């Protein structure tokens, strides 16, 4: 029910809108808080800070491939690590050989432990620690969830493959035994400071002026050197702002324990 003006029933869109503000999809294409679309390629196997603020930090792990004759990688976001308070929430796509829409290929981990999100009843997992409620709610039978962290963010996440037609059109030259499953995500942030950093985060600054060339086919944003982190589990980079204490056990996890696909 929407009662902002008069009470009426409305449909809520519960999947990432790849054209919407705060989205990151495809290889990878972002739409900033200013509404400007841009690409950030990162690097195959690299980890980069999407958002870094006083109370929130989000890293992305990139998978990719470089066909013969190309000068750069094709890349996609395969995992996200969200830091807040003293906690870490990870969402990742499993490495998939053959895509089956009925099979759930989403990994969810909370402070290092794998979380099983129910598929029946309320179809959600929730916790309330340090007076901060965290909810992971299924928005489809498989591969799609909405994540809410009270006072900080809401995000829609979907695991999706690279299809045969997409592979052909873009000439990715992907192997036949790897669907390159990755994440499509849309963020809605709460209480960001005016000094927020990160590939996506800085576009939410009130004084931000985009440096990408609007109107070209692929407006590029650089900054890999500023936003690269030592791993998916580290909130450290050259311009990162997040200062909360993170458990050593979380930071030192190897990529294999989170299901990170190393393409």
Protein backbone atom coordinates (compact mmCIF):
# COMPACT_ATOMS: atom_id res chain seq x y z
CA UNK A 1 0.00 0.00 0.00
CA UNK A 2 1.23 3.47 -0.93
CA UNK A 3 -0.37 6.17 1.22
CA UNK A 4 1.82 9.16 0.34
CA UNK A 5 -1.14 11.04 -1.18
CA UNK A 6 -4.01 8.57 -1.16
CA UNK A 7 -3.93 4.91 -0.17
CA UNK A 8 -3.66 2.64 -3.20
CA UNK A 9 -2.12 -0.70 -4.12
CA UNK A 10 1.05 -0.44 -6.23
CA UNK A 11 3.52 -2.96 -7.63
CA UNK A 12 7.02 -2.89 -6.11
CA UNK A 13 9.91 -3.65 -8.45
CA UNK A 14 12.14 -6.03 -6.52
CA UNK A 15 14.99 -6.69 -8.96
CA UNK A 16 18.04 -4.58 -9.88
CA UNK A 17 17.28 -1.83 -12.39
CA UNK A 18 20.39 -1.67 -14.52
CA UNK A 19 19.34 1.74 -15.85
CA UNK A 20 18.65 3.09 -12.35
CA UNK A 21 20.67 5.18 -9.94
CA UNK A 22 23.28 3.22 -7.97
CA UNK A 23 23.38 0.25 -10.34
CA UNK A 24 26.30 -1.88 -11.47
CA UNK A 25 25.66 -4.43 -14.22
CA UNK A 26 27.12 -5.95 -17.38
CA UNK A 27 30.86 -5.59 -18.04
CA UNK A 28 30.61 -3.56 -15.72
CA UNK A 29 28.50 -0.51 -16.37
CA UNK A 30 27.53 1.78 -13.50
CA UNK A 31 24.98 4.55 -13.05
CA UNK A 32 26.12 6.96 -10.34
CA UNK A 33 24.24 8.90 -7.73
CA UNK A 34 24.31 11.81 -10.18
CA UNK A 35 22.53 9.75 -12.83
CA UNK A 36 25.55 9.64 -15.16
CA UNK A 37 26.34 6.26 -16.73
CA UNK A 38 29.97 5.13 -16.95
CA UNK A 39 32.17 2.04 -17.22
CA UNK A 40 34.86 0.93 -14.78
CA UNK A 41 36.83 -2.05 -16.02
CA UNK A 42 38.98 -2.77 -12.98
CA UNK A 43 41.04 -5.87 -13.70
CA UNK A 44 40.60 -9.63 -13.94
CA UNK A 45 41.03 -11.09 -10.45
CA UNK A 46 41.16 -7.60 -8.88
CA UNK A 47 39.27 -6.15 -5.91
CA UNK A 48 38.12 -2.52 -5.83
CA UNK A 49 36.27 -0.27 -3.40
CA UNK A 50 32.85 0.68 -4.76
CA UNK A 51 31.92 2.68 -1.65
CA UNK A 52 34.03 3.79 1.30
CA UNK A 53 32.56 6.02 3.99
CA UNK A 54 32.74 6.49 7.76
CA UNK A 55 30.21 3.73 8.55
CA UNK A 56 30.10 1.67 5.35
CA UNK A 57 32.52 0.07 2.92
CA UNK A 58 31.75 -2.09 -0.13
CA UNK A 59 34.29 -4.00 -2.20
CA UNK A 60 33.74 -5.73 -5.53
CA UNK A 61 35.69 -8.73 -6.85
CA UNK A 62 36.15 -8.76 -10.63
CA UNK A 63 36.36 -11.83 -12.83
CA UNK A 64 37.30 -11.55 -16.46
CA UNK A 65 38.94 -12.79 -19.59
CA UNK A 66 41.22 -11.34 -22.25
CA UNK A 67 40.80 -12.88 -25.70
CA UNK A 68 43.78 -13.04 -27.97
CA UNK A 69 44.58 -9.70 -29.57
CA UNK A 70 42.82 -7.51 -26.99
CA UNK A 71 44.69 -4.92 -24.90
CA UNK A 72 42.43 -5.10 -21.84
CA UNK A 73 40.26 -7.55 -19.94
CA UNK A 74 36.55 -8.03 -20.24
CA UNK A 75 35.39 -7.92 -16.60
CA UNK A 76 32.32 -8.57 -14.48
CA UNK A 77 31.56 -8.22 -10.75
CA UNK A 78 31.41 -11.70 -9.22
CA UNK A 79 31.30 -10.89 -5.49
CA UNK A 80 30.57 -8.06 -3.08
CA UNK A 81 31.84 -7.60 0.46
CA UNK A 82 29.93 -5.16 2.67
CA UNK A 83 31.65 -3.88 5.84
CA UNK A 84 29.82 -2.03 8.62
CA UNK A 85 30.25 -1.80 12.40
CA UNK A 86 32.39 -4.89 13.14
CA UNK A 87 30.58 -7.13 10.62
CA UNK A 88 31.09 -8.34 7.06
CA UNK A 89 28.39 -9.56 4.68
CA UNK A 90 29.47 -11.24 1.45
CA UNK A 91 27.37 -12.03 -1.61
CA UNK A 92 28.96 -13.96 -4.46
CA UNK A 93 28.07 -15.88 -7.59
CA UNK A 94 29.29 -19.46 -7.79
CA UNK A 95 31.39 -20.57 -10.71
CA UNK A 96 28.95 -22.32 -13.05
CA UNK A 97 29.73 -24.54 -16.03
CA UNK A 98 26.21 -24.79 -17.47
CA UNK A 99 23.53 -22.33 -16.38
CA UNK A 100 20.24 -23.67 -15.01
CA UNK A 101 17.76 -20.99 -14.00
CA UNK A 102 16.25 -23.28 -11.35
CA UNK A 103 19.55 -23.82 -9.51
CA UNK A 104 20.52 -21.28 -6.85
CA UNK A 105 24.07 -20.04 -7.50
CA UNK A 106 24.19 -17.28 -4.88
CA UNK A 107 26.57 -17.52 -1.91
CA UNK A 108 25.77 -15.52 1.24
CA UNK A 109 28.23 -15.32 4.12
CA UNK A 110 27.88 -13.45 7.42
CA UNK A 111 31.05 -12.84 9.44
CA UNK A 112 32.73 -15.77 7.71
CA UNK A 113 29.90 -18.30 8.07
CA UNK A 114 27.76 -19.47 5.17
CA UNK A 115 24.12 -18.41 5.45
CA UNK A 116 21.29 -20.53 4.04
CA UNK A 117 18.47 -18.21 3.01
CA UNK A 118 15.16 -20.13 3.32
CA UNK A 119 13.04 -20.70 0.23
CA UNK A 120 9.76 -21.16 2.10
CA UNK A 121 7.78 -19.23 4.69
CA UNK A 122 9.06 -15.66 4.82
CA UNK A 123 11.97 -16.77 2.57
CA UNK A 124 14.41 -14.57 4.44
CA UNK A 125 17.36 -14.67 6.80
CA UNK A 126 17.78 -11.95 9.39
CA UNK A 127 19.95 -10.99 12.30
CA UNK A 128 19.98 -8.10 14.73
CA UNK A 129 23.41 -7.43 16.20
CA UNK A 130 24.80 -4.19 17.61
CA UNK A 131 21.26 -2.78 17.24
CA UNK A 132 21.60 -3.07 13.46
CA UNK A 133 19.05 -5.28 11.68
CA UNK A 134 20.25 -7.13 8.60
CA UNK A 135 17.78 -8.90 6.31
CA UNK A 136 18.47 -11.05 3.24
CA UNK A 137 15.15 -11.74 1.53
CA UNK A 138 14.58 -13.84 -1.57
CA UNK A 139 12.88 -12.00 -4.41
CA UNK A 140 12.71 -15.05 -6.67
CA UNK A 141 12.92 -18.80 -6.21
CA UNK A 142 16.66 -18.69 -6.92
CA UNK A 143 19.51 -16.26 -7.63
CA UNK A 144 17.77 -13.05 -6.57
CA UNK A 145 17.66 -11.33 -3.15
CA UNK A 146 17.03 -7.99 -1.50
CA UNK A 147 19.47 -7.03 1.27
CA UNK A 148 18.63 -4.42 3.89
CA UNK A 149 21.02 -3.06 6.53
CA UNK A 150 19.11 -0.70 8.81
CA UNK A 151 20.31 2.88 8.67
CA UNK A 152 22.86 2.18 5.92
CA UNK A 153 21.61 0.64 2.70
CA UNK A 154 19.19 -1.45 0.70
CA UNK A 155 20.34 -3.41 -2.33
CA UNK A 156 18.84 -5.73 -4.93
CA UNK A 157 21.17 -8.46 -6.17
CA UNK A 158 20.74 -10.97 -8.98
CA UNK A 159 23.08 -13.72 -10.19
CA UNK A 160 23.07 -13.94 -13.98
CA UNK A 161 25.19 -15.70 -16.64
CA UNK A 162 26.69 -14.59 -19.93
CA UNK A 163 24.39 -16.16 -22.51
CA UNK A 164 25.47 -17.60 -25.84
CA UNK A 165 23.97 -14.72 -27.82
CA UNK A 166 25.58 -12.10 -25.57
CA UNK A 167 28.91 -13.90 -25.92
CA UNK A 168 28.56 -13.89 -29.71
CA UNK A 169 27.47 -10.24 -30.04
CA UNK A 170 30.26 -8.88 -27.85
CA UNK A 171 32.87 -11.40 -29.01
CA UNK A 172 33.86 -12.29 -25.44
CA UNK A 173 35.18 -15.66 -26.68
CA UNK A 174 34.21 -17.35 -23.42
CA UNK A 175 34.92 -21.08 -22.99
CA UNK A 176 31.97 -23.43 -23.45
CA UNK A 177 32.34 -24.85 -19.92
CA UNK A 178 31.99 -21.55 -18.01
CA UNK A 179 28.85 -19.39 -17.89
CA UNK A 180 30.78 -16.54 -16.18
CA UNK A 181 28.05 -16.10 -13.58
CA UNK A 182 28.19 -12.59 -12.10
CA UNK A 183 26.12 -10.09 -10.13
CA UNK A 184 23.73 -7.39 -11.22
CA UNK A 185 23.19 -4.99 -8.31
CA UNK A 186 21.37 -1.79 -7.50
CA UNK A 187 22.13 0.14 -4.29
CA UNK A 188 20.07 2.62 -2.29
CA UNK A 189 22.16 4.33 0.37
CA UNK A 190 21.23 6.04 3.61
CA UNK A 191 23.28 8.50 5.66
CA UNK A 192 26.32 8.79 3.40
CA UNK A 193 28.64 11.64 4.36
CA UNK A 194 29.59 14.44 1.98
CA UNK A 195 33.10 12.94 1.77
CA UNK A 196 32.10 9.43 0.67
CA UNK A 197 34.67 7.75 -1.60
CA UNK A 198 34.78 4.77 -3.96
CA UNK A 199 34.19 4.14 -7.66
CA UNK A 200 30.43 4.50 -7.12
CA UNK A 201 30.39 6.24 -3.76
CA UNK A 202 32.03 9.48 -4.86
CA UNK A 203 29.21 10.09 -7.35
CA UNK A 204 26.94 10.68 -4.33
CA UNK A 205 28.94 13.67 -3.09
CA UNK A 206 26.85 16.86 -3.27
CA UNK A 207 29.70 18.70 -5.02
CA UNK A 208 30.66 15.86 -7.39
CA UNK A 209 31.20 16.73 -11.04
CA UNK A 210 31.61 13.75 -13.35
CA UNK A 211 34.82 13.61 -15.37
CA UNK A 212 33.61 10.96 -17.83
CA UNK A 213 32.93 11.95 -21.44
CA UNK A 214 29.16 11.97 -21.70
CA UNK A 215 27.82 11.08 -25.13
CA UNK A 216 30.53 8.61 -26.17
CA UNK A 217 29.69 4.93 -26.59
CA UNK A 218 31.64 3.83 -23.52
CA UNK A 219 32.33 6.69 -21.06
CA UNK A 220 35.19 5.41 -18.93
CA UNK A 221 36.06 6.10 -15.29
CA UNK A 222 39.62 5.40 -14.27
CA UNK A 223 41.07 5.29 -10.77
CA UNK A 224 42.08 1.65 -10.43
CA UNK A 225 45.18 2.77 -8.52
CA UNK A 226 43.10 4.74 -5.98
CA UNK A 227 40.40 2.13 -5.38
CA UNK A 228 42.24 -1.21 -5.55
CA UNK A 229 42.12 -3.14 -2.25
CA UNK A 230 44.48 -5.96 -1.17
CA UNK A 231 41.58 -8.45 -1.27
CA UNK A 232 37.80 -8.70 -1.20
CA UNK A 233 38.10 -8.88 2.60
CA UNK A 234 40.12 -5.70 3.15
CA UNK A 235 38.62 -2.18 3.44
CA UNK A 236 41.97 -0.55 2.71
CA UNK A 237 42.85 1.48 -0.37
CA UNK A 238 44.66 4.71 -1.16
CA UNK A 239 41.59 6.89 -0.60
CA UNK A 240 39.37 4.61 1.53
CA UNK A 241 37.66 6.15 4.57
CA UNK A 242 36.20 3.20 6.50
CA UNK A 243 37.92 2.81 9.89
CA UNK A 244 35.91 0.19 11.80
CA UNK A 245 37.77 -2.78 13.29
CA UNK A 246 37.34 -5.86 11.12
CA UNK A 247 37.83 -9.36 12.49
CA UNK A 248 41.19 -10.85 11.48
CA UNK A 249 39.42 -14.10 10.66
CA UNK A 250 37.33 -12.31 8.06
CA UNK A 251 40.19 -10.37 6.51
CA UNK A 252 42.41 -13.42 6.22
CA UNK A 253 39.90 -15.71 4.52
CA UNK A 254 41.18 -17.14 1.26
CA UNK A 255 39.19 -16.54 -1.87
CA UNK A 256 38.33 -20.23 -2.15
CA UNK A 257 36.39 -20.23 1.12
CA UNK A 258 34.02 -17.61 -0.26
CA UNK A 259 33.57 -19.34 -3.59
CA UNK A 260 35.36 -16.69 -5.59
CA UNK A 261 35.86 -17.79 -9.16
CA UNK A 262 39.34 -17.05 -10.40
CA UNK A 263 38.96 -16.74 -14.19
